[in-house]
Amino acid sequence: YLPKGHPPAHDIEFDIDALRKQWKNRPELTEPAYGPDLQVQRKVHRH
């Protein structure tokens, strides 16, 4: 949160060349990657 009138904060900078180098030899993703298919027990608050 920034107060009204405060200039935008710059908190991240991407190194595009490093990212390209890192991903150069990885296979192309042709479909979305999802995490493990786990059934999560959700706790419901009831009175």
N, C-alpha and C. Protein backbone atom coordinates (compact mmCIF):
# COMPACT_ATOMS: atom_id res chain seq x y z
N TYR A 1 0.84 -1.18 0.00
CA TYR A 1 0.00 0.00 0.00
C TYR A 1 0.88 1.23 0.00
N LEU A 2 0.54 2.18 -0.83
CA LEU A 2 1.24 3.46 -0.86
C LEU A 2 0.24 4.58 -0.65
N PRO A 3 0.64 5.64 0.06
CA PRO A 3 -0.28 6.75 0.27
C PRO A 3 -0.60 7.47 -1.03
N LYS A 4 -1.72 8.16 -1.04
CA LYS A 4 -2.17 8.90 -2.22
C LYS A 4 -1.10 9.89 -2.66
N GLY A 5 -0.83 9.92 -3.97
CA GLY A 5 0.16 10.83 -4.50
C GLY A 5 1.58 10.29 -4.52
N HIS A 6 1.79 9.13 -3.92
CA HIS A 6 3.13 8.53 -3.91
C HIS A 6 3.44 7.96 -5.29
N PRO A 7 4.66 8.14 -5.78
CA PRO A 7 5.00 7.58 -7.09
C PRO A 7 4.97 6.05 -7.06
N PRO A 8 4.72 5.43 -8.18
CA PRO A 8 4.68 3.96 -8.22
C PRO A 8 5.98 3.35 -7.71
N ALA A 9 5.86 2.26 -7.01
CA ALA A 9 7.03 1.56 -6.49
C ALA A 9 7.58 0.61 -7.56
N HIS A 10 8.88 0.54 -7.66
CA HIS A 10 9.54 -0.37 -8.59
C HIS A 10 10.18 -1.45 -7.74
N ASP A 11 9.58 -2.67 -7.72
CA ASP A 11 10.08 -3.68 -6.80
C ASP A 11 10.62 -4.94 -7.49
N ILE A 12 10.54 -5.02 -8.81
CA ILE A 12 11.03 -6.22 -9.49
C ILE A 12 11.54 -5.83 -10.87
N GLU A 13 12.60 -6.50 -11.26
CA GLU A 13 13.17 -6.27 -12.59
C GLU A 13 13.54 -7.62 -13.17
N PHE A 14 13.05 -7.91 -14.37
CA PHE A 14 13.31 -9.20 -15.00
C PHE A 14 14.57 -9.12 -15.85
N ASP A 15 15.42 -10.13 -15.74
CA ASP A 15 16.60 -10.26 -16.58
C ASP A 15 16.21 -11.17 -17.74
N ILE A 16 15.71 -10.58 -18.82
CA ILE A 16 15.17 -11.34 -19.95
C ILE A 16 16.23 -12.23 -20.58
N ASP A 17 17.45 -11.73 -20.72
CA ASP A 17 18.52 -12.54 -21.31
C ASP A 17 18.80 -13.78 -20.47
N ALA A 18 18.82 -13.63 -19.15
CA ALA A 18 19.06 -14.77 -18.26
C ALA A 18 17.90 -15.77 -18.34
N LEU A 19 16.67 -15.27 -18.43
CA LEU A 19 15.52 -16.16 -18.55
C LEU A 19 15.56 -16.94 -19.86
N ARG A 20 15.91 -16.28 -20.94
CA ARG A 20 16.01 -16.98 -22.23
C ARG A 20 17.08 -18.06 -22.17
N LYS A 21 18.21 -17.76 -21.56
CA LYS A 21 19.29 -18.74 -21.43
C LYS A 21 18.85 -19.92 -20.57
N GLN A 22 18.13 -19.63 -19.49
CA GLN A 22 17.66 -20.67 -18.57
C GLN A 22 16.67 -21.60 -19.26
N TRP A 23 15.81 -21.07 -20.12
CA TRP A 23 14.74 -21.85 -20.74
C TRP A 23 15.08 -22.37 -22.14
N LYS A 24 16.27 -22.06 -22.64
CA LYS A 24 16.65 -22.39 -24.01
C LYS A 24 16.54 -23.89 -24.30
N ASN A 25 16.99 -24.75 -23.41
CA ASN A 25 17.03 -26.19 -23.66
C ASN A 25 15.86 -26.96 -23.04
N ARG A 26 14.89 -26.26 -22.51
CA ARG A 26 13.72 -26.93 -21.93
C ARG A 26 12.68 -27.18 -23.02
N PRO A 27 11.93 -28.28 -22.89
CA PRO A 27 10.90 -28.55 -23.90
C PRO A 27 9.78 -27.51 -23.85
N GLU A 28 9.19 -27.25 -25.01
CA GLU A 28 8.10 -26.29 -25.09
C GLU A 28 6.85 -26.87 -24.44
N LEU A 29 6.16 -26.07 -23.65
CA LEU A 29 4.91 -26.50 -23.03
C LEU A 29 3.79 -26.33 -24.05
N THR A 30 3.14 -27.43 -24.40
CA THR A 30 2.06 -27.36 -25.39
C THR A 30 0.69 -27.39 -24.73
N GLU A 31 0.65 -27.67 -23.43
CA GLU A 31 -0.61 -27.64 -22.68
C GLU A 31 -0.31 -27.13 -21.27
N PRO A 32 -1.32 -26.62 -20.57
CA PRO A 32 -1.08 -26.06 -19.23
C PRO A 32 -0.51 -27.10 -18.28
N ALA A 33 0.39 -26.67 -17.42
CA ALA A 33 0.98 -27.54 -16.41
C ALA A 33 0.24 -27.30 -15.09
N TYR A 34 -0.25 -28.37 -14.52
CA TYR A 34 -0.97 -28.28 -13.25
C TYR A 34 -0.18 -28.99 -12.17
N GLY A 35 -0.43 -28.63 -10.94
CA GLY A 35 0.21 -29.29 -9.81
C GLY A 35 -0.38 -30.67 -9.60
N PRO A 36 0.07 -31.37 -8.57
CA PRO A 36 -0.44 -32.71 -8.31
C PRO A 36 -1.95 -32.70 -8.03
N ASP A 37 -2.61 -33.76 -8.42
CA ASP A 37 -4.06 -33.88 -8.24
C ASP A 37 -4.32 -34.45 -6.85
N LEU A 38 -4.39 -33.58 -5.87
CA LEU A 38 -4.59 -34.00 -4.49
C LEU A 38 -5.97 -33.57 -4.02
N GLN A 39 -6.59 -34.44 -3.27
CA GLN A 39 -7.86 -34.06 -2.66
C GLN A 39 -7.53 -33.37 -1.35
N VAL A 40 -7.94 -32.13 -1.25
CA VAL A 40 -7.63 -31.35 -0.07
C VAL A 40 -8.85 -31.35 0.83
N GLN A 41 -8.62 -31.71 2.09
CA GLN A 41 -9.72 -31.66 3.05
C GLN A 41 -9.87 -30.22 3.51
N ARG A 42 -11.04 -29.69 3.32
CA ARG A 42 -11.29 -28.32 3.74
C ARG A 42 -12.08 -28.34 5.04
N LYS A 43 -11.66 -27.51 5.95
CA LYS A 43 -12.35 -27.41 7.23
C LYS A 43 -13.36 -26.28 7.13
N VAL A 44 -14.59 -26.59 7.48
CA VAL A 44 -15.65 -25.60 7.43
C VAL A 44 -16.00 -25.20 8.85
N HIS A 45 -16.05 -23.91 9.08
CA HIS A 45 -16.39 -23.41 10.41
C HIS A 45 -17.91 -23.40 10.56
N ARG A 46 -18.39 -24.19 11.48
CA ARG A 46 -19.84 -24.24 11.72
C ARG A 46 -20.12 -24.14 13.21
N HIS A 47 -21.27 -23.60 13.52
CA HIS A 47 -21.70 -23.50 14.92
C HIS A 47 -22.79 -24.49 15.18
